[in-house]
Amino acid sequence: MSMYVTADHALCLIDQAVAAGEDHHGSLRSAIREAFASNAPVEHIATRARTSIADVLSVVNEMYAPAF
């Protein structure tokens, strides 16, 4: 099994996280990061996550924030 997630699968993970409601243990944030890492279009990620492109980019930027 590949350790890489396809963009379609990552978008489905976003759908599942949204359907579950509250972002339990960061599952929506994690799914957003997975989708971005799998090259899903940012517009699609935002639509599926029911949020803005700016919010998606904010979540993605957290991946690159330095840990002090």
PDB file of N, CA and C in Angstrom:
ATOM      1  N   MET A   1       0.842  -1.172   0.000  1.00  0.00           N
ATOM      2  CA  MET A   1       0.000   0.000   0.000  1.00  0.00           C
ATOM      3  C   MET A   1       0.890   1.239   0.000  1.00  0.00           C
ATOM      4  N   SER A   2       0.512   2.224  -0.760  1.00  0.00           N
ATOM      5  CA  SER A   2       1.263   3.470  -0.846  1.00  0.00           C
ATOM      6  C   SER A   2       1.027   4.321   0.388  1.00  0.00           C
ATOM      7  N   MET A   3       2.073   5.020   0.817  1.00  0.00           N
ATOM      8  CA  MET A   3       1.907   5.904   1.965  1.00  0.00           C
ATOM      9  C   MET A   3       1.398   7.272   1.536  1.00  0.00           C
ATOM     10  N   TYR A   4       1.261   7.490   0.250  1.00  0.00           N
ATOM     11  CA  TYR A   4       0.757   8.750  -0.255  1.00  0.00           C
ATOM     12  C   TYR A   4      -0.742   8.655  -0.496  1.00  0.00           C
ATOM     13  N   VAL A   5      -1.435   9.712  -0.178  1.00  0.00           N
ATOM     14  CA  VAL A   5      -2.884   9.763  -0.339  1.00  0.00           C
ATOM     15  C   VAL A   5      -3.188  10.494  -1.639  1.00  0.00           C
ATOM     16  N   THR A   6      -4.107   9.940  -2.431  1.00  0.00           N
ATOM     17  CA  THR A   6      -4.491  10.632  -3.656  1.00  0.00           C
ATOM     18  C   THR A   6      -5.344  11.845  -3.303  1.00  0.00           C
ATOM     19  N   ALA A   7      -5.390  12.794  -4.195  1.00  0.00           N
ATOM     20  CA  ALA A   7      -6.176  14.005  -3.962  1.00  0.00           C
ATOM     21  C   ALA A   7      -7.648  13.664  -3.739  1.00  0.00           C
ATOM     22  N   ASP A   8      -8.188  12.749  -4.536  1.00  0.00           N
ATOM     23  CA  ASP A   8      -9.604  12.368  -4.380  1.00  0.00           C
ATOM     24  C   ASP A   8      -9.865  11.761  -3.011  1.00  0.00           C
ATOM     25  N   HIS A   9      -8.965  10.899  -2.576  1.00  0.00           N
ATOM     26  CA  HIS A   9      -9.128  10.273  -1.259  1.00  0.00           C
ATOM     27  C   HIS A   9      -9.019  11.319  -0.153  1.00  0.00           C
ATOM     28  N   ALA A  10      -8.079  12.234  -0.288  1.00  0.00           N
ATOM     29  CA  ALA A  10      -7.906  13.287   0.718  1.00  0.00           C
ATOM     30  C   ALA A  10      -9.151  14.169   0.795  1.00  0.00           C
ATOM     31  N   LEU A  11      -9.766  14.465  -0.340  1.00  0.00           N
ATOM     32  CA  LEU A  11     -10.996  15.261  -0.333  1.00  0.00           C
ATOM     33  C   LEU A  11     -12.130  14.482   0.337  1.00  0.00           C
ATOM     34  N   CYS A  12     -12.155  13.167   0.159  1.00  0.00           N
ATOM     35  CA  CYS A  12     -13.159  12.345   0.849  1.00  0.00           C
ATOM     36  C   CYS A  12     -12.941  12.369   2.356  1.00  0.00           C
ATOM     37  N   LEU A  13     -11.683  12.417   2.790  1.00  0.00           N
ATOM     38  CA  LEU A  13     -11.392  12.524   4.212  1.00  0.00           C
ATOM     39  C   LEU A  13     -11.919  13.839   4.777  1.00  0.00           C
ATOM     40  N   ILE A  14     -11.841  14.894   3.989  1.00  0.00           N
ATOM     41  CA  ILE A  14     -12.407  16.182   4.409  1.00  0.00           C
ATOM     42  C   ILE A  14     -13.914  16.039   4.564  1.00  0.00           C
ATOM     43  N   ASP A  15     -14.561  15.401   3.581  1.00  0.00           N
ATOM     44  CA  ASP A  15     -16.014  15.184   3.660  1.00  0.00           C
ATOM     45  C   ASP A  15     -16.384  14.443   4.938  1.00  0.00           C
ATOM     46  N   GLN A  16     -15.623  13.412   5.270  1.00  0.00           N
ATOM     47  CA  GLN A  16     -15.897  12.629   6.477  1.00  0.00           C
ATOM     48  C   GLN A  16     -15.718  13.462   7.738  1.00  0.00           C
ATOM     49  N   ALA A  17     -14.673  14.275   7.768  1.00  0.00           N
ATOM     50  CA  ALA A  17     -14.425  15.119   8.942  1.00  0.00           C
ATOM     51  C   ALA A  17     -15.529  16.153   9.111  1.00  0.00           C
ATOM     52  N   VAL A  18     -15.985  16.733   8.008  1.00  0.00           N
ATOM     53  CA  VAL A  18     -17.069  17.715   8.063  1.00  0.00           C
ATOM     54  C   VAL A  18     -18.355  17.037   8.532  1.00  0.00           C
ATOM     55  N   ALA A  19     -18.626  15.846   8.023  1.00  0.00           N
ATOM     56  CA  ALA A  19     -19.839  15.121   8.403  1.00  0.00           C
ATOM     57  C   ALA A  19     -19.837  14.750   9.885  1.00  0.00           C
ATOM     58  N   ALA A  20     -18.644  14.543  10.434  1.00  0.00           N
ATOM     59  CA  ALA A  20     -18.530  14.185  11.851  1.00  0.00           C
ATOM     60  C   ALA A  20     -18.812  15.373  12.761  1.00  0.00           C
ATOM     61  N   GLY A  21     -18.844  16.553  12.170  1.00  0.00           N
ATOM     62  CA  GLY A  21     -19.156  17.741  12.962  1.00  0.00           C
ATOM     63  C   GLY A  21     -17.917  18.429  13.469  1.00  0.00           C
ATOM     64  N   GLU A  22     -17.893  18.650  14.764  1.00  0.00           N
ATOM     65  CA  GLU A  22     -16.794  19.374  15.403  1.00  0.00           C
ATOM     66  C   GLU A  22     -15.458  18.749  15.015  1.00  0.00           C
ATOM     67  N   ASP A  23     -14.439  19.574  14.888  1.00  0.00           N
ATOM     68  CA  ASP A  23     -13.110  19.108  14.485  1.00  0.00           C
ATOM     69  C   ASP A  23     -12.471  18.309  15.621  1.00  0.00           C
ATOM     70  N   HIS A  24     -12.954  17.087  15.775  1.00  0.00           N
ATOM     71  CA  HIS A  24     -12.515  16.200  16.853  1.00  0.00           C
ATOM     72  C   HIS A  24     -11.056  15.801  16.645  1.00  0.00           C
ATOM     73  N   HIS A  25     -10.202  16.177  17.573  1.00  0.00           N
ATOM     74  CA  HIS A  25      -8.780  15.838  17.549  1.00  0.00           C
ATOM     75  C   HIS A  25      -8.093  16.312  16.268  1.00  0.00           C
ATOM     76  N   GLY A  26      -8.564  17.403  15.703  1.00  0.00           N
ATOM     77  CA  GLY A  26      -7.893  17.972  14.545  1.00  0.00           C
ATOM     78  C   GLY A  26      -8.059  17.201  13.259  1.00  0.00           C
ATOM     79  N   SER A  27      -9.092  16.351  13.149  1.00  0.00           N
ATOM     80  CA  SER A  27      -9.231  15.534  11.943  1.00  0.00           C
ATOM     81  C   SER A  27      -9.464  16.369  10.693  1.00  0.00           C
ATOM     82  N   LEU A  28     -10.217  17.452  10.802  1.00  0.00           N
ATOM     83  CA  LEU A  28     -10.445  18.298   9.628  1.00  0.00           C
ATOM     84  C   LEU A  28      -9.153  18.992   9.224  1.00  0.00           C
ATOM     85  N   ARG A  29      -8.425  19.518  10.195  1.00  0.00           N
ATOM     86  CA  ARG A  29      -7.154  20.184   9.900  1.00  0.00           C
ATOM     87  C   ARG A  29      -6.179  19.199   9.255  1.00  0.00           C
ATOM     88  N   SER A  30      -6.141  17.998   9.768  1.00  0.00           N
ATOM     89  CA  SER A  30      -5.269  16.971   9.217  1.00  0.00           C
ATOM     90  C   SER A  30      -5.673  16.622   7.787  1.00  0.00           C
ATOM     91  N   ALA A  31      -6.968  16.504   7.556  1.00  0.00           N
ATOM     92  CA  ALA A  31      -7.461  16.184   6.208  1.00  0.00           C
ATOM     93  C   ALA A  31      -7.149  17.314   5.235  1.00  0.00           C
ATOM     94  N   ILE A  32      -7.243  18.549   5.702  1.00  0.00           N
ATOM     95  CA  ILE A  32      -6.903  19.700   4.849  1.00  0.00           C
ATOM     96  C   ILE A  32      -5.428  19.631   4.475  1.00  0.00           C
ATOM     97  N   ARG A  33      -4.570  19.332   5.433  1.00  0.00           N
ATOM     98  CA  ARG A  33      -3.130  19.223   5.147  1.00  0.00           C
ATOM     99  C   ARG A  33      -2.850  18.087   4.165  1.00  0.00           C
ATOM    100  N   GLU A  34      -3.517  16.957   4.354  1.00  0.00           N
ATOM    101  CA  GLU A  34      -3.339  15.815   3.447  1.00  0.00           C
ATOM    102  C   GLU A  34      -3.751  16.186   2.025  1.00  0.00           C
ATOM    103  N   ALA A  35      -4.882  16.852   1.911  1.00  0.00           N
ATOM    104  CA  ALA A  35      -5.374  17.242   0.585  1.00  0.00           C
ATOM    105  C   ALA A  35      -4.403  18.192  -0.100  1.00  0.00           C
ATOM    106  N   PHE A  36      -3.884  19.145   0.654  1.00  0.00           N
ATOM    107  CA  PHE A  36      -2.917  20.090   0.089  1.00  0.00           C
ATOM    108  C   PHE A  36      -1.655  19.360  -0.336  1.00  0.00           C
ATOM    109  N   ALA A  37      -1.179  18.467   0.515  1.00  0.00           N
ATOM    110  CA  ALA A  37       0.043  17.712   0.214  1.00  0.00           C
ATOM    111  C   ALA A  37      -0.136  16.798  -0.996  1.00  0.00           C
ATOM    112  N   SER A  38      -1.377  16.390  -1.259  1.00  0.00           N
ATOM    113  CA  SER A  38      -1.626  15.512  -2.406  1.00  0.00           C
ATOM    114  C   SER A  38      -2.007  16.301  -3.660  1.00  0.00           C
ATOM    115  N   ASN A  39      -1.765  17.611  -3.605  1.00  0.00           N
ATOM    116  CA  ASN A  39      -1.962  18.505  -4.756  1.00  0.00           C
ATOM    117  C   ASN A  39      -3.414  18.707  -5.165  1.00  0.00           C
ATOM    118  N   ALA A  40      -4.331  18.561  -4.230  1.00  0.00           N
ATOM    119  CA  ALA A  40      -5.730  18.896  -4.528  1.00  0.00           C
ATOM    120  C   ALA A  40      -5.815  20.424  -4.667  1.00  0.00           C
ATOM    121  N   PRO A  41      -6.608  20.920  -5.598  1.00  0.00           N
ATOM    122  CA  PRO A  41      -6.741  22.365  -5.758  1.00  0.00           C
ATOM    123  C   PRO A  41      -7.277  23.016  -4.475  1.00  0.00           C
ATOM    124  N   VAL A  42      -6.655  24.128  -4.096  1.00  0.00           N
ATOM    125  CA  VAL A  42      -7.027  24.827  -2.860  1.00  0.00           C
ATOM    126  C   VAL A  42      -8.514  25.191  -2.866  1.00  0.00           C
ATOM    127  N   GLU A  43      -9.037  25.565  -4.025  1.00  0.00           N
ATOM    128  CA  GLU A  43     -10.454  25.923  -4.121  1.00  0.00           C
ATOM    129  C   GLU A  43     -11.339  24.727  -3.771  1.00  0.00           C
ATOM    130  N   HIS A  44     -10.943  23.542  -4.210  1.00  0.00           N
ATOM    131  CA  HIS A  44     -11.715  22.331  -3.910  1.00  0.00           C
ATOM    132  C   HIS A  44     -11.641  22.003  -2.423  1.00  0.00           C
ATOM    133  N   ILE A  45     -10.450  22.176  -1.859  1.00  0.00           N
ATOM    134  CA  ILE A  45     -10.279  21.915  -0.427  1.00  0.00           C
ATOM    135  C   ILE A  45     -11.191  22.836   0.375  1.00  0.00           C
ATOM    136  N   ALA A  46     -11.178  24.122   0.046  1.00  0.00           N
ATOM    137  CA  ALA A  46     -12.000  25.097   0.775  1.00  0.00           C
ATOM    138  C   ALA A  46     -13.487  24.775   0.637  1.00  0.00           C
ATOM    139  N   THR A  47     -13.907  24.419  -0.560  1.00  0.00           N
ATOM    140  CA  THR A  47     -15.315  24.093  -0.781  1.00  0.00           C
ATOM    141  C   THR A  47     -15.725  22.879   0.035  1.00  0.00           C
ATOM    142  N   ARG A  48     -14.929  21.831  -0.021  1.00  0.00           N
ATOM    143  CA  ARG A  48     -15.268  20.605   0.698  1.00  0.00           C
ATOM    144  C   ARG A  48     -15.220  20.810   2.210  1.00  0.00           C
ATOM    145  N   ALA A  49     -14.289  21.650   2.673  1.00  0.00           N
ATOM    146  CA  ALA A  49     -14.149  21.905   4.108  1.00  0.00           C
ATOM    147  C   ALA A  49     -15.128  22.978   4.599  1.00  0.00           C
ATOM    148  N   ARG A  50     -15.863  23.548   3.643  1.00  0.00           N
ATOM    149  CA  ARG A  50     -16.842  24.600   3.966  1.00  0.00           C
ATOM    150  C   ARG A  50     -16.187  25.768   4.692  1.00  0.00           C
ATOM    151  N   THR A  51     -15.076  26.206   4.121  1.00  0.00           N
ATOM    152  CA  THR A  51     -14.337  27.323   4.693  1.00  0.00           C
ATOM    153  C   THR A  51     -13.749  28.162   3.568  1.00  0.00           C
ATOM    154  N   SER A  52     -13.012  29.180   3.920  1.00  0.00           N
ATOM    155  CA  SER A  52     -12.430  30.071   2.911  1.00  0.00           C
ATOM    156  C   SER A  52     -11.053  29.566   2.488  1.00  0.00           C
ATOM    157  N   ILE A  53     -10.616  30.053   1.352  1.00  0.00           N
ATOM    158  CA  ILE A  53      -9.269  29.729   0.877  1.00  0.00           C
ATOM    159  C   ILE A  53      -8.242  30.244   1.883  1.00  0.00           C
ATOM    160  N   ALA A  54      -8.485  31.423   2.449  1.00  0.00           N
ATOM    161  CA  ALA A  54      -7.563  31.979   3.446  1.00  0.00           C
ATOM    162  C   ALA A  54      -7.437  31.062   4.659  1.00  0.00           C
ATOM    163  N   ASP A  55      -8.550  30.463   5.088  1.00  0.00           N
ATOM    164  CA  ASP A  55      -8.501  29.537   6.226  1.00  0.00           C
ATOM    165  C   ASP A  55      -7.719  28.272   5.875  1.00  0.00           C
ATOM    166  N   VAL A  56      -7.897  27.792   4.657  1.00  0.00           N
ATOM    167  CA  VAL A  56      -7.137  26.612   4.218  1.00  0.00           C
ATOM    168  C   VAL A  56      -5.647  26.930   4.226  1.00  0.00           C
ATOM    169  N   LEU A  57      -5.282  28.073   3.688  1.00  0.00           N
ATOM    170  CA  LEU A  57      -3.869  28.453   3.643  1.00  0.00           C
ATOM    171  C   LEU A  57      -3.305  28.653   5.045  1.00  0.00           C
ATOM    172  N   SER A  58      -4.124  29.116   5.965  1.00  0.00           N
ATOM    173  CA  SER A  58      -3.697  29.269   7.351  1.00  0.00           C
ATOM    174  C   SER A  58      -3.358  27.919   7.968  1.00  0.00           C
ATOM    175  N   VAL A  59      -4.199  26.922   7.713  1.00  0.00           N
ATOM    176  CA  VAL A  59      -3.946  25.567   8.224  1.00  0.00           C
ATOM    177  C   VAL A  59      -2.670  25.009   7.601  1.00  0.00           C
ATOM    178  N   VAL A  60      -2.503  25.220   6.319  1.00  0.00           N
ATOM    179  CA  VAL A  60      -1.319  24.717   5.622  1.00  0.00           C
ATOM    180  C   VAL A  60      -0.062  25.406   6.154  1.00  0.00           C
ATOM    181  N   ASN A  61      -0.138  26.706   6.397  1.00  0.00           N
ATOM    182  CA  ASN A  61       1.025  27.445   6.899  1.00  0.00           C
ATOM    183  C   ASN A  61       1.470  26.952   8.260  1.00  0.00           C
ATOM    184  N   GLU A  62       0.563  26.389   9.040  1.00  0.00           N
ATOM    185  CA  GLU A  62       0.929  25.834  10.348  1.00  0.00           C
ATOM    186  C   GLU A  62       1.946  24.709  10.206  1.00  0.00           C
ATOM    187  N   MET A  63       1.910  24.017   9.060  1.00  0.00           N
ATOM    188  CA  MET A  63       2.852  22.916   8.833  1.00  0.00           C
ATOM    189  C   MET A  63       4.288  23.434   8.766  1.00  0.00           C
ATOM    190  N   TYR A  64       4.440  24.680   8.326  1.00  0.00           N
ATOM    191  CA  TYR A  64       5.762  25.227   8.092  1.00  0.00           C
ATOM    192  C   TYR A  64       6.203  26.211   9.168  1.00  0.00           C
ATOM    193  N   ALA A  65       5.385  26.381  10.177  1.00  0.00           N
ATOM    194  CA  ALA A  65       5.731  27.312  11.260  1.00  0.00           C
ATOM    195  C   ALA A  65       6.870  26.719  12.085  1.00  0.00           C
ATOM    196  N   PRO A  66       7.838  27.552  12.411  1.00  0.00           N
ATOM    197  CA  PRO A  66       8.958  27.039  13.223  1.00  0.00           C
ATOM    198  C   PRO A  66       8.475  26.715  14.636  1.00  0.00           C
ATOM    199  N   ALA A  67       8.985  25.640  15.180  1.00  0.00           N
ATOM    200  CA  ALA A  67       8.647  25.258  16.558  1.00  0.00           C
ATOM    201  C   ALA A  67       9.738  25.816  17.470  1.00  0.00           C
ATOM    202  N   PHE A  68       9.344  26.677  18.367  1.00  0.00           N
ATOM    203  CA  PHE A  68      10.326  27.290  19.269  1.00  0.00           C
ATOM    204  C   PHE A  68      10.349  26.613  20.589  1.00  0.00           C
TER     205      PHE A  68
END
